[in-house]
Amino acid sequence: LKLPTDQLGKLNDDLGLHPQLRGLNDLLDKDQALCVVQGVGYPNPDRSHFEAMDIWHSADPKRATPTGWLGRAASEGDNGSGGVPIVQIGGNKLPLAVVGAPGSGAVSIGQKNSFKLDLGAGGEAQLAKRRKFLDDLAKPATDSTDDLLGFVQRRQVQTLTAVEQLRDLLEGPNAVRAFGSGLQQKLQLVAGLIERGFGTRIFYVNLDGFDTHSNQGPDHQKLMAELGDSIRSFFDSLALSKNDKRVRVLTFSEFGRRTQENNSRGTDHGAASCLFVAGPSVKSAIVGEHPSLSDLDAGDLKHGLDFRRVYATLLEGWLGCDPRAVLGAKWEPIPELAATKA
């Protein structure tokens, strides 16, 4: 499965990207920057898909936290636009990462959603009064004695009214592009919602199929192409609406793969991996040391950078949240990732 060096998309004298990740190389060529974070993981890694996903989603290797790191961030952060704080595109079940405290207001968009705000029975005058009541309730309070309960009530109402707006954007006469199952279609829908000023601060999408235990080569090539091309097209669309500098993309997977090819021309569950942070606001950089290919832990790459440092850096520097409140502890920020390109 090893790729010849001359086929790689060269990053520097030591590192290169998979040849099918040409979309990410295109970002570098267009100065729509890319930060590569190497050797990411956590102590005593879990190789179960379900347990490892819970750890990455909750940011808790002990799996004692019932909410997700993005859901908690939405509860902590300021959503001054009044829109839905988090939108997940691709399924009807919310992933743990976006599950937060009551009032965090995450919404899932699938092909079978019905985005309609039901105001109950009655005539037009009654429905108009109910809608006005909801709109008034959703407005930020000016009373300095406003409490947490009031905040949660407003956040829930903001979510309800924004869902109706979402229906117009997805199903109305001037709807954004049709929703599809591929990563590119999902990201183009996100780009359309951003262009229309929907007001969501966090979008969550996924790309399945990386569990390549057999015949890995062809499948992995297709996945790499879809990932790179989709992210490049996403930023191309955002650039047209002049929103590209307002957006960052973070990729993650629950674990990496083992270094040794198995007997089925594939690789099995591993430990340390890498992730990407992309967007014109990011400074192009390679962060962290590449894990040694000779100093392994039972055949696995050893992690050198805890993934919670990545989360903490983006929470504070990009989403404007208190990382300690979201992650439950202080994590040293990553200087290269914290810096914003001038």
Protein backbone atom coordinates (compact mmCIF):
# COMPACT_ATOMS: atom_id res chain seq x y z
CA LEU A 1 0.00 0.00 0.00
CA LYS A 2 3.01 2.30 0.27
CA LEU A 3 2.92 5.16 -2.23
CA PRO A 4 6.04 6.15 -4.19
CA THR A 5 7.49 9.42 -2.96
CA ASP A 6 7.38 11.02 -6.39
CA GLN A 7 3.56 10.63 -6.49
CA LEU A 8 2.93 12.67 -3.34
CA GLY A 9 1.83 16.30 -3.20
CA LYS A 10 4.97 17.78 -1.70
CA LEU A 11 4.58 19.91 1.45
CA ASN A 12 8.28 20.09 2.31
CA ASP A 13 11.39 17.93 1.98
CA ASP A 14 10.00 15.36 4.43
CA LEU A 15 6.23 15.37 4.03
CA GLY A 16 3.66 15.06 1.29
CA LEU A 17 -0.08 14.63 0.81
CA HIS A 18 -1.79 11.67 -0.83
CA PRO A 19 -1.88 12.34 -4.61
CA GLN A 20 -5.70 12.32 -4.57
CA LEU A 21 -5.72 15.12 -1.99
CA ARG A 22 -4.98 17.54 -4.81
CA GLY A 23 -7.85 19.72 -3.63
CA LEU A 24 -5.93 20.54 -0.45
CA ASN A 25 -2.80 21.26 -2.45
CA ASP A 26 -4.93 23.61 -4.54
CA LEU A 27 -5.84 25.49 -1.36
CA LEU A 28 -2.15 26.06 -0.71
CA ASP A 29 -1.59 27.20 -4.29
CA LYS A 30 -4.46 29.71 -3.97
CA ASP A 31 -3.25 30.92 -0.56
CA GLN A 32 -6.45 29.56 1.01
CA ALA A 33 -4.30 28.16 3.74
CA LEU A 34 -3.97 24.69 5.21
CA CYS A 35 -2.60 23.73 8.62
CA VAL A 36 -1.51 20.09 8.96
CA VAL A 37 -1.51 18.80 12.55
CA GLN A 38 0.48 15.57 12.97
CA GLY A 39 0.56 12.85 15.59
CA VAL A 40 -2.76 13.75 17.17
CA GLY A 41 -4.27 11.45 19.78
CA TYR A 42 -4.68 10.89 23.51
CA PRO A 43 -3.26 8.57 26.22
CA ASN A 44 -4.31 4.90 26.21
CA PRO A 45 -6.18 5.10 22.88
CA ASP A 46 -9.31 3.05 22.29
CA ARG A 47 -9.59 1.15 19.00
CA SER A 48 -13.34 0.61 19.13
CA HIS A 49 -15.23 2.80 16.66
CA PHE A 50 -18.00 3.58 19.13
CA GLU A 51 -15.86 4.27 22.18
CA ALA A 52 -13.25 6.23 20.21
CA MET A 53 -15.91 8.36 18.52
CA ASP A 54 -17.44 9.13 21.92
CA ILE A 55 -14.02 10.24 23.17
CA TRP A 56 -13.41 12.59 20.23
CA HIS A 57 -16.98 13.89 20.31
CA SER A 58 -17.11 14.53 24.05
CA ALA A 59 -13.42 15.48 24.44
CA ASP A 60 -13.34 13.12 27.41
CA PRO A 61 -11.15 9.96 27.23
CA LYS A 62 -12.94 8.67 30.36
CA ARG A 63 -16.29 8.85 28.52
CA ALA A 64 -17.98 10.31 31.59
CA THR A 65 -19.30 13.44 29.83
CA PRO A 66 -22.80 13.10 28.31
CA THR A 67 -22.51 16.14 26.04
CA GLY A 68 -20.33 17.04 23.07
CA TRP A 69 -17.57 19.64 22.94
CA LEU A 70 -19.28 21.63 20.18
CA GLY A 71 -22.62 21.47 21.97
CA ARG A 72 -21.00 22.86 25.09
CA ALA A 73 -19.25 25.52 23.03
CA ALA A 74 -22.59 26.64 21.58
CA SER A 75 -23.99 26.95 25.10
CA GLU A 76 -20.99 29.01 26.20
CA GLY A 77 -20.54 31.17 23.12
CA ASP A 78 -22.42 34.23 21.97
CA ASN A 79 -24.91 33.63 19.16
CA GLY A 80 -25.80 37.25 18.53
CA SER A 81 -27.35 36.45 15.14
CA GLY A 82 -30.24 34.65 16.84
CA GLY A 83 -30.04 31.72 14.41
CA VAL A 84 -29.67 28.02 15.10
CA PRO A 85 -26.25 27.75 16.81
CA ILE A 86 -25.38 24.32 15.31
CA VAL A 87 -26.61 22.57 12.17
CA GLN A 88 -25.68 18.97 11.38
CA ILE A 89 -26.16 17.91 7.77
CA GLY A 90 -26.51 14.31 6.73
CA GLY A 91 -28.78 12.43 9.10
CA ASN A 92 -31.68 12.62 11.48
CA LYS A 93 -29.71 11.67 14.60
CA LEU A 94 -27.51 14.33 16.16
CA PRO A 95 -23.90 13.19 16.70
CA LEU A 96 -22.66 13.43 20.27
CA ALA A 97 -20.25 16.26 19.33
CA VAL A 98 -23.13 18.71 18.87
CA VAL A 99 -25.28 17.57 21.80
CA GLY A 100 -25.22 20.25 24.48
CA ALA A 101 -27.04 21.60 27.48
CA PRO A 102 -30.78 22.42 27.24
CA GLY A 103 -31.24 25.37 24.93
CA SER A 104 -28.08 24.78 22.90
CA GLY A 105 -30.36 24.47 19.87
CA ALA A 106 -28.71 22.00 17.46
CA VAL A 107 -30.73 21.00 14.38
CA SER A 108 -30.18 18.06 12.03
CA ILE A 109 -30.88 18.40 8.29
CA GLY A 110 -31.76 15.23 6.41
CA GLN A 111 -33.55 14.64 3.14
CA LYS A 112 -36.77 13.72 4.96
CA ASN A 113 -36.97 16.68 7.34
CA SER A 114 -40.11 18.79 7.46
CA PHE A 115 -39.03 22.32 8.41
CA LYS A 116 -42.27 23.89 9.46
CA LEU A 117 -43.08 25.85 12.60
CA ASP A 118 -46.53 24.75 13.80
CA LEU A 119 -48.35 27.66 15.49
CA GLY A 120 -51.48 25.64 16.22
CA ALA A 121 -55.08 26.01 15.10
CA GLY A 122 -56.94 29.30 14.63
CA GLY A 123 -57.51 32.13 12.22
CA GLU A 124 -54.90 34.32 10.56
CA ALA A 125 -55.16 37.00 13.27
CA GLN A 126 -54.57 34.46 16.05
CA LEU A 127 -51.61 32.89 14.25
CA ALA A 128 -50.10 36.33 13.62
CA LYS A 129 -50.36 37.18 17.35
CA ARG A 130 -48.67 33.89 18.30
CA ARG A 131 -45.88 34.48 15.83
CA LYS A 132 -45.34 38.01 17.11
CA PHE A 133 -45.21 36.67 20.66
CA LEU A 134 -42.51 34.17 19.67
CA ASP A 135 -40.52 36.82 17.79
CA ASP A 136 -40.69 39.17 20.78
CA LEU A 137 -39.70 36.41 23.16
CA ALA A 138 -36.71 35.54 20.98
CA LYS A 139 -35.27 39.06 21.21
CA PRO A 140 -32.40 39.61 23.68
CA ALA A 141 -33.59 41.03 26.97
CA THR A 142 -32.63 44.58 27.95
CA ASP A 143 -33.35 43.96 31.61
CA SER A 144 -30.09 43.68 33.56
CA THR A 145 -31.76 41.20 35.93
CA ASP A 146 -32.14 38.66 33.10
CA ASP A 147 -31.37 35.15 34.37
CA LEU A 148 -30.27 31.81 32.94
CA LEU A 149 -33.85 30.56 32.57
CA GLY A 150 -34.69 33.53 30.37
CA PHE A 151 -31.62 32.86 28.23
CA VAL A 152 -32.58 29.22 27.72
CA GLN A 153 -36.17 30.15 26.84
CA ARG A 154 -34.98 32.67 24.24
CA ARG A 155 -32.50 30.22 22.76
CA GLN A 156 -35.22 27.59 22.34
CA VAL A 157 -37.57 30.07 20.69
CA GLN A 158 -34.75 31.34 18.45
CA THR A 159 -34.26 27.76 17.32
CA LEU A 160 -37.96 27.33 16.54
CA THR A 161 -38.24 30.50 14.49
CA ALA A 162 -34.94 29.81 12.70
CA VAL A 163 -36.18 26.36 11.69
CA GLU A 164 -38.99 28.03 9.77
CA GLN A 165 -36.45 30.26 8.02
CA LEU A 166 -34.42 27.15 7.24
CA ARG A 167 -37.44 25.59 5.54
CA ASP A 168 -37.74 28.63 3.28
CA LEU A 169 -34.05 28.41 2.39
CA LEU A 170 -34.24 24.70 1.60
CA GLU A 171 -37.69 24.38 0.04
CA GLY A 172 -38.76 27.88 -1.05
CA PRO A 173 -38.77 29.35 -4.57
CA ASN A 174 -35.21 30.64 -4.16
CA ALA A 175 -33.87 27.60 -2.33
CA VAL A 176 -30.17 26.90 -2.02
CA ARG A 177 -28.76 24.00 -3.98
CA ALA A 178 -30.49 20.64 -3.63
CA PHE A 179 -29.35 18.51 -0.73
CA GLY A 180 -27.36 15.38 -1.59
CA SER A 181 -25.57 12.61 0.27
CA GLY A 182 -22.01 13.33 -0.88
CA LEU A 183 -19.60 15.51 1.06
CA GLN A 184 -19.41 18.07 -1.72
CA GLN A 185 -23.21 18.47 -1.78
CA LYS A 186 -23.31 18.83 1.99
CA LEU A 187 -20.63 21.51 2.01
CA GLN A 188 -22.25 23.35 -0.88
CA LEU A 189 -25.47 23.45 1.15
CA VAL A 190 -23.48 24.89 4.05
CA ALA A 191 -21.97 27.50 1.72
CA GLY A 192 -25.46 28.44 0.54
CA LEU A 193 -26.78 28.83 4.09
CA ILE A 194 -23.80 31.01 5.00
CA GLU A 195 -24.34 33.16 1.91
CA ARG A 196 -28.02 33.64 2.82
CA GLY A 197 -27.05 34.83 6.31
CA PHE A 198 -28.74 31.99 8.17
CA GLY A 199 -26.71 32.82 11.28
CA THR A 200 -25.42 29.38 12.28
CA ARG A 201 -21.94 29.43 13.82
CA ILE A 202 -21.11 25.70 13.69
CA PHE A 203 -21.87 23.25 10.87
CA TYR A 204 -21.14 19.53 11.22
CA VAL A 205 -20.82 17.13 8.26
CA ASN A 206 -19.31 13.67 7.89
CA LEU A 207 -17.67 11.43 5.29
CA ASP A 208 -17.96 7.67 5.89
CA GLY A 209 -16.07 4.73 4.44
CA PHE A 210 -12.58 4.92 5.95
CA ASP A 211 -12.79 1.53 7.71
CA THR A 212 -10.59 0.01 5.02
CA HIS A 213 -9.55 -3.39 6.37
CA SER A 214 -9.35 -4.92 2.89
CA ASN A 215 -8.56 -3.72 -0.63
CA GLN A 216 -7.76 -0.32 0.84
CA GLY A 217 -6.00 1.26 -2.14
CA PRO A 218 -8.91 2.01 -4.54
CA ASP A 219 -11.38 2.95 -1.80
CA HIS A 220 -8.88 5.22 -0.06
CA GLN A 221 -8.07 7.00 -3.32
CA LYS A 222 -11.75 7.80 -3.88
CA LEU A 223 -12.16 9.05 -0.31
CA MET A 224 -9.08 11.24 -0.50
CA ALA A 225 -10.30 12.77 -3.76
CA GLU A 226 -13.77 13.42 -2.34
CA LEU A 227 -12.35 15.01 0.81
CA GLY A 228 -9.86 17.29 -0.93
CA ASP A 229 -12.08 18.29 -3.85
CA SER A 230 -15.08 18.98 -1.59
CA ILE A 231 -13.15 21.28 0.75
CA ARG A 232 -11.58 23.14 -2.20
CA SER A 233 -14.99 23.64 -3.88
CA PHE A 234 -16.45 24.76 -0.57
CA PHE A 235 -13.94 27.58 -0.19
CA ASP A 236 -14.29 28.49 -3.87
CA SER A 237 -18.02 29.00 -3.29
CA LEU A 238 -17.43 30.95 -0.09
CA ALA A 239 -14.94 33.20 -1.89
CA LEU A 240 -17.59 34.13 -4.47
CA SER A 241 -19.89 35.36 -1.67
CA LYS A 242 -16.92 36.94 0.17
CA ASN A 243 -17.47 34.70 3.20
CA ASP A 244 -14.34 32.55 2.90
CA LYS A 245 -12.34 34.48 5.49
CA ARG A 246 -15.14 33.99 8.03
CA VAL A 247 -14.96 30.18 7.91
CA ARG A 248 -12.59 27.48 9.07
CA VAL A 249 -12.85 23.73 8.43
CA LEU A 250 -11.57 21.22 11.00
CA THR A 251 -11.30 17.54 10.05
CA PHE A 252 -11.02 14.65 12.50
CA SER A 253 -11.32 10.87 12.64
CA GLU A 254 -11.72 8.61 15.66
CA PHE A 255 -8.30 6.99 15.17
CA GLY A 256 -5.56 6.40 12.63
CA ARG A 257 -4.52 3.11 11.01
CA ARG A 258 -1.78 0.65 11.88
CA THR A 259 1.50 1.01 10.00
CA GLN A 260 1.72 -2.63 8.88
CA GLU A 261 -0.44 -3.78 5.97
CA ASN A 262 -2.63 -6.79 6.86
CA ASN A 263 -3.14 -9.93 4.76
CA SER A 264 -6.15 -8.43 2.92
CA ARG A 265 -4.33 -5.45 1.37
CA GLY A 266 -5.75 -3.14 4.00
CA THR A 267 -4.88 -1.71 7.39
CA ASP A 268 -6.48 -2.18 10.79
CA HIS A 269 -7.47 0.19 13.60
CA GLY A 270 -4.57 2.22 14.92
CA ALA A 271 -3.93 5.12 17.28
CA ALA A 272 -2.29 8.47 16.44
CA SER A 273 -3.47 10.23 13.30
CA CYS A 274 -3.42 13.67 11.68
CA LEU A 275 -6.02 16.36 11.07
CA PHE A 276 -6.39 19.44 8.91
CA VAL A 277 -7.54 22.98 9.60
CA ALA A 278 -8.31 24.90 6.41
CA GLY A 279 -9.39 28.42 5.50
CA PRO A 280 -7.95 31.75 4.34
CA SER A 281 -7.72 32.95 7.95
CA VAL A 282 -5.38 30.07 8.87
CA LYS A 283 -1.62 30.37 8.64
CA SER A 284 -0.20 27.55 6.52
CA ALA A 285 1.90 25.40 8.81
CA ILE A 286 2.89 21.86 9.74
CA VAL A 287 2.27 21.37 13.43
CA GLY A 288 3.79 18.67 15.62
CA GLU A 289 6.40 16.02 14.99
CA HIS A 290 5.59 13.18 12.63
CA PRO A 291 5.33 9.99 14.74
CA SER A 292 8.31 7.67 14.41
CA LEU A 293 7.84 4.70 12.09
CA SER A 294 10.40 2.69 14.06
CA ASP A 295 9.46 3.56 17.66
CA LEU A 296 5.96 2.06 17.78
CA ASP A 297 3.56 1.07 20.53
CA ALA A 298 2.56 -2.54 19.75
CA GLY A 299 2.59 -1.66 16.05
CA ASP A 300 0.84 1.69 16.45
CA LEU A 301 2.06 5.23 15.96
CA LYS A 302 2.58 7.09 19.24
CA HIS A 303 0.70 10.36 19.59
CA GLY A 304 2.67 13.49 20.40
CA LEU A 305 -0.11 16.08 20.56
CA ASP A 306 -3.33 15.74 22.52
CA PHE A 307 -6.39 16.50 20.38
CA ARG A 308 -7.83 18.65 23.17
CA ARG A 309 -5.07 21.20 22.51
CA VAL A 310 -6.48 21.61 18.99
CA TYR A 311 -9.99 22.02 20.39
CA ALA A 312 -8.84 24.51 23.02
CA THR A 313 -6.97 26.63 20.47
CA LEU A 314 -9.97 26.88 18.13
CA LEU A 315 -12.46 27.41 20.94
CA GLU A 316 -10.60 30.42 22.28
CA GLY A 317 -9.09 31.87 19.12
CA TRP A 318 -11.91 31.28 16.64
CA LEU A 319 -15.21 30.61 18.41
CA GLY A 320 -14.53 33.01 21.27
CA CYS A 321 -15.30 30.50 24.02
CA ASP A 322 -13.59 29.79 27.32
CA PRO A 323 -11.77 26.48 26.65
CA ARG A 324 -11.67 25.61 30.34
CA ALA A 325 -15.46 25.89 30.61
CA VAL A 326 -15.94 23.65 27.57
CA LEU A 327 -13.15 21.11 28.14
CA GLY A 328 -13.07 21.09 31.95
CA ALA A 329 -9.33 21.82 32.12
CA LYS A 330 -6.72 24.19 30.76
CA TRP A 331 -4.91 23.07 27.62
CA GLU A 332 -1.90 24.80 26.13
CA PRO A 333 -2.84 26.46 22.83
CA ILE A 334 -0.97 25.61 19.63
CA PRO A 335 0.82 28.81 18.53
CA GLU A 336 0.77 28.05 14.79
CA LEU A 337 -2.96 27.31 14.90
CA ALA A 338 -3.77 30.23 17.17
CA ALA A 339 -2.18 32.72 14.80
CA THR A 340 -4.45 34.38 12.25
CA LYS A 341 -3.09 35.27 8.86
CA ALA A 342 -2.93 39.02 8.32
